[in-house]
């Protein structure tokens, strides 16, 4: 996991998703002490939230584009 030094707020969707996959894999393997596991889990939660933020932004863009397309179609019908 080479992105762990990068602030989560600076990660794009793919970077956050890929690191989250790595976090889950490490946690599933086990073998970490409690503090390390908790720290990794917390980073995973933050990464999941970052992914959700990106997806919400993409969803909003698609909805705006669809609304604009609908308005343009209405204008052409007039």
N, C-alpha and C. Protein backbone atom coordinates (compact mmCIF):
# COMPACT_ATOMS: atom_id res chain seq x y z
N UNK A 1 0.84 -1.18 0.00
CA UNK A 1 0.00 0.00 0.00
C UNK A 1 0.88 1.24 0.00
N UNK A 2 1.14 1.77 -1.17
CA UNK A 2 2.05 2.90 -1.26
C UNK A 2 1.36 4.25 -1.14
N UNK A 3 0.02 4.28 -1.07
CA UNK A 3 -0.69 5.54 -0.95
C UNK A 3 -0.96 5.93 0.50
N UNK A 4 -0.51 5.13 1.46
CA UNK A 4 -0.87 5.38 2.86
C UNK A 4 -0.33 6.70 3.38
N UNK A 5 0.67 7.27 2.74
CA UNK A 5 1.19 8.57 3.16
C UNK A 5 0.42 9.72 2.52
N UNK A 6 -0.36 9.42 1.51
CA UNK A 6 -1.14 10.44 0.83
C UNK A 6 -2.41 10.72 1.62
N UNK A 7 -2.69 12.00 1.88
CA UNK A 7 -3.95 12.31 2.55
C UNK A 7 -5.13 11.78 1.72
N UNK A 8 -6.07 11.20 2.39
CA UNK A 8 -7.20 10.59 1.70
C UNK A 8 -7.95 11.61 0.86
N UNK A 9 -8.01 12.84 1.32
CA UNK A 9 -8.73 13.88 0.57
C UNK A 9 -8.11 14.17 -0.79
N UNK A 10 -6.87 13.74 -1.00
CA UNK A 10 -6.19 13.97 -2.28
C UNK A 10 -6.27 12.78 -3.23
N UNK A 11 -6.87 11.69 -2.78
CA UNK A 11 -6.94 10.49 -3.61
C UNK A 11 -8.11 10.58 -4.58
N UNK A 12 -7.87 10.16 -5.82
CA UNK A 12 -9.00 10.06 -6.75
C UNK A 12 -9.73 8.75 -6.45
N UNK A 13 -10.82 8.52 -7.15
CA UNK A 13 -11.65 7.35 -6.85
C UNK A 13 -10.87 6.06 -6.98
N UNK A 14 -10.15 5.90 -8.07
CA UNK A 14 -9.43 4.65 -8.31
C UNK A 14 -8.37 4.40 -7.25
N UNK A 15 -7.65 5.45 -6.86
CA UNK A 15 -6.62 5.29 -5.83
C UNK A 15 -7.25 4.87 -4.50
N UNK A 16 -8.34 5.54 -4.13
CA UNK A 16 -9.01 5.22 -2.86
C UNK A 16 -9.57 3.80 -2.90
N UNK A 17 -10.19 3.42 -4.02
CA UNK A 17 -10.76 2.08 -4.15
C UNK A 17 -9.67 1.01 -4.07
N UNK A 18 -8.57 1.23 -4.78
CA UNK A 18 -7.49 0.24 -4.79
C UNK A 18 -6.87 0.08 -3.41
N UNK A 19 -6.68 1.21 -2.71
CA UNK A 19 -6.11 1.11 -1.36
C UNK A 19 -7.10 0.43 -0.43
N UNK A 20 -8.39 0.71 -0.60
CA UNK A 20 -9.40 0.07 0.24
C UNK A 20 -9.38 -1.45 0.04
N UNK A 21 -9.23 -1.89 -1.19
CA UNK A 21 -9.12 -3.33 -1.48
C UNK A 21 -7.92 -3.91 -0.74
N UNK A 22 -6.80 -3.19 -0.75
CA UNK A 22 -5.60 -3.66 -0.04
C UNK A 22 -5.84 -3.72 1.47
N UNK A 23 -6.50 -2.71 2.00
CA UNK A 23 -6.79 -2.68 3.44
C UNK A 23 -7.63 -3.89 3.82
N UNK A 24 -8.67 -4.16 3.06
CA UNK A 24 -9.53 -5.30 3.36
C UNK A 24 -8.74 -6.61 3.31
N UNK A 25 -7.89 -6.74 2.31
CA UNK A 25 -7.08 -7.96 2.17
C UNK A 25 -6.18 -8.15 3.41
N UNK A 26 -5.53 -7.09 3.84
CA UNK A 26 -4.62 -7.19 5.00
C UNK A 26 -5.41 -7.53 6.25
N UNK A 27 -6.56 -6.87 6.43
CA UNK A 27 -7.37 -7.16 7.62
C UNK A 27 -7.89 -8.59 7.61
N UNK A 28 -8.26 -9.08 6.44
CA UNK A 28 -8.76 -10.46 6.34
C UNK A 28 -7.67 -11.48 6.64
N UNK A 29 -6.43 -11.15 6.30
CA UNK A 29 -5.32 -12.07 6.57
C UNK A 29 -5.05 -12.20 8.05
N UNK A 30 -5.35 -11.12 8.79
CA UNK A 30 -5.12 -11.14 10.23
C UNK A 30 -3.63 -11.04 10.55
N UNK A 31 -3.32 -11.33 11.79
CA UNK A 31 -1.92 -11.32 12.20
C UNK A 31 -1.43 -9.98 12.71
N UNK A 32 -2.26 -8.94 12.63
CA UNK A 32 -1.85 -7.63 13.14
C UNK A 32 -2.26 -7.50 14.60
N UNK A 33 -1.51 -6.68 15.34
CA UNK A 33 -1.94 -6.45 16.71
C UNK A 33 -3.16 -5.53 16.70
N UNK A 34 -3.79 -5.38 17.83
CA UNK A 34 -5.05 -4.65 17.91
C UNK A 34 -4.90 -3.20 17.45
N UNK A 35 -3.86 -2.51 17.88
CA UNK A 35 -3.68 -1.11 17.49
C UNK A 35 -3.49 -0.96 15.99
N UNK A 36 -2.70 -1.83 15.40
CA UNK A 36 -2.47 -1.77 13.95
C UNK A 36 -3.76 -2.09 13.20
N UNK A 37 -4.50 -3.07 13.69
CA UNK A 37 -5.77 -3.43 13.05
C UNK A 37 -6.76 -2.27 13.12
N UNK A 38 -6.86 -1.63 14.27
CA UNK A 38 -7.78 -0.50 14.41
C UNK A 38 -7.38 0.67 13.51
N UNK A 39 -6.09 0.96 13.45
CA UNK A 39 -5.63 2.05 12.60
C UNK A 39 -5.93 1.76 11.14
N UNK A 40 -5.71 0.53 10.73
CA UNK A 40 -5.98 0.14 9.35
C UNK A 40 -7.48 0.18 9.07
N UNK A 41 -8.28 -0.30 10.00
CA UNK A 41 -9.73 -0.27 9.84
C UNK A 41 -10.22 1.18 9.72
N UNK A 42 -9.68 2.08 10.55
CA UNK A 42 -10.08 3.49 10.49
C UNK A 42 -9.73 4.10 9.13
N UNK A 43 -8.55 3.78 8.61
CA UNK A 43 -8.18 4.28 7.29
C UNK A 43 -9.13 3.69 6.23
N UNK A 44 -9.47 2.43 6.38
CA UNK A 44 -10.40 1.80 5.46
C UNK A 44 -11.76 2.50 5.47
N UNK A 45 -12.24 2.85 6.64
CA UNK A 45 -13.51 3.58 6.75
C UNK A 45 -13.42 4.93 6.03
N UNK A 46 -12.31 5.62 6.22
CA UNK A 46 -12.12 6.92 5.57
C UNK A 46 -12.01 6.76 4.05
N UNK A 47 -11.36 5.71 3.62
CA UNK A 47 -11.25 5.43 2.18
C UNK A 47 -12.62 5.14 1.58
N UNK A 48 -13.44 4.36 2.29
CA UNK A 48 -14.79 4.05 1.81
C UNK A 48 -15.61 5.33 1.71
N UNK A 49 -15.47 6.21 2.68
CA UNK A 49 -16.19 7.49 2.64
C UNK A 49 -15.73 8.32 1.44
N UNK A 50 -14.44 8.32 1.17
CA UNK A 50 -13.91 9.07 0.02
C UNK A 50 -14.48 8.51 -1.28
N UNK A 51 -14.55 7.20 -1.39
CA UNK A 51 -15.14 6.59 -2.59
C UNK A 51 -16.59 7.02 -2.74
N UNK A 52 -17.34 7.03 -1.64
CA UNK A 52 -18.74 7.46 -1.68
C UNK A 52 -18.85 8.92 -2.13
N UNK A 53 -17.93 9.76 -1.67
CA UNK A 53 -17.94 11.17 -2.09
C UNK A 53 -17.75 11.28 -3.60
N UNK A 54 -16.80 10.53 -4.12
CA UNK A 54 -16.56 10.55 -5.57
C UNK A 54 -17.79 10.06 -6.32
N UNK A 55 -18.39 8.98 -5.85
CA UNK A 55 -19.56 8.43 -6.52
C UNK A 55 -20.75 9.38 -6.45
N UNK A 56 -20.91 10.05 -5.32
CA UNK A 56 -22.00 11.03 -5.20
C UNK A 56 -21.79 12.19 -6.17
N UNK A 57 -20.55 12.62 -6.31
CA UNK A 57 -20.24 13.69 -7.26
C UNK A 57 -20.51 13.26 -8.69
N UNK A 58 -20.15 12.04 -9.01
CA UNK A 58 -20.39 11.53 -10.37
C UNK A 58 -21.89 11.40 -10.61
N UNK A 59 -22.62 10.93 -9.61
CA UNK A 59 -24.08 10.78 -9.73
C UNK A 59 -24.72 12.14 -9.98
N UNK A 60 -24.28 13.16 -9.25
CA UNK A 60 -24.82 14.51 -9.42
C UNK A 60 -24.54 15.03 -10.82
N UNK A 61 -23.34 14.77 -11.33
CA UNK A 61 -23.00 15.22 -12.68
C UNK A 61 -23.88 14.56 -13.73
N UNK A 62 -24.13 13.27 -13.56
CA UNK A 62 -24.98 12.55 -14.51
C UNK A 62 -26.40 13.10 -14.44
N UNK A 63 -26.89 13.33 -13.23
CA UNK A 63 -28.25 13.86 -13.08
C UNK A 63 -28.37 15.24 -13.71
N UNK A 64 -27.34 16.09 -13.53
CA UNK A 64 -27.36 17.43 -14.16
C UNK A 64 -27.33 17.31 -15.68
N UNK A 65 -26.51 16.40 -16.18
CA UNK A 65 -26.42 16.22 -17.63
C UNK A 65 -27.75 15.73 -18.19
N UNK A 66 -28.40 14.80 -17.50
CA UNK A 66 -29.70 14.32 -17.95
C UNK A 66 -30.75 15.41 -17.90
N UNK A 67 -30.71 16.22 -16.84
CA UNK A 67 -31.66 17.33 -16.73
C UNK A 67 -31.42 18.35 -17.84
N UNK A 68 -30.16 18.66 -18.11
CA UNK A 68 -29.84 19.60 -19.20
C UNK A 68 -30.28 19.04 -20.54
N UNK A 69 -30.08 17.75 -20.75
CA UNK A 69 -30.48 17.13 -22.01
C UNK A 69 -32.01 17.18 -22.15
N UNK A 70 -32.70 16.97 -21.04
CA UNK A 70 -34.16 17.04 -21.07
C UNK A 70 -34.65 18.45 -21.37
N UNK A 71 -33.99 19.45 -20.79
CA UNK A 71 -34.36 20.84 -21.05
C UNK A 71 -34.09 21.20 -22.50
N UNK A 72 -32.97 20.75 -23.03
CA UNK A 72 -32.64 21.03 -24.43
C UNK A 72 -33.64 20.37 -25.36
N UNK A 73 -34.08 19.18 -25.02
CA UNK A 73 -35.07 18.49 -25.85
C UNK A 73 -36.40 19.24 -25.80
N UNK A 74 -36.76 19.76 -24.62
CA UNK A 74 -37.98 20.53 -24.49
C UNK A 74 -37.91 21.82 -25.31
N UNK A 75 -36.73 22.47 -25.30
CA UNK A 75 -36.54 23.70 -26.06
C UNK A 75 -36.67 23.43 -27.55
N UNK A 76 -36.18 22.29 -28.00
CA UNK A 76 -36.24 21.96 -29.43
C UNK A 76 -37.67 21.65 -29.87
N UNK A 77 -38.50 21.17 -28.92
CA UNK A 77 -39.89 20.86 -29.24
C UNK A 77 -40.73 22.12 -29.41
N UNK A 78 -40.29 23.23 -28.87
CA UNK A 78 -41.06 24.48 -28.92
C UNK A 78 -41.01 25.14 -30.25
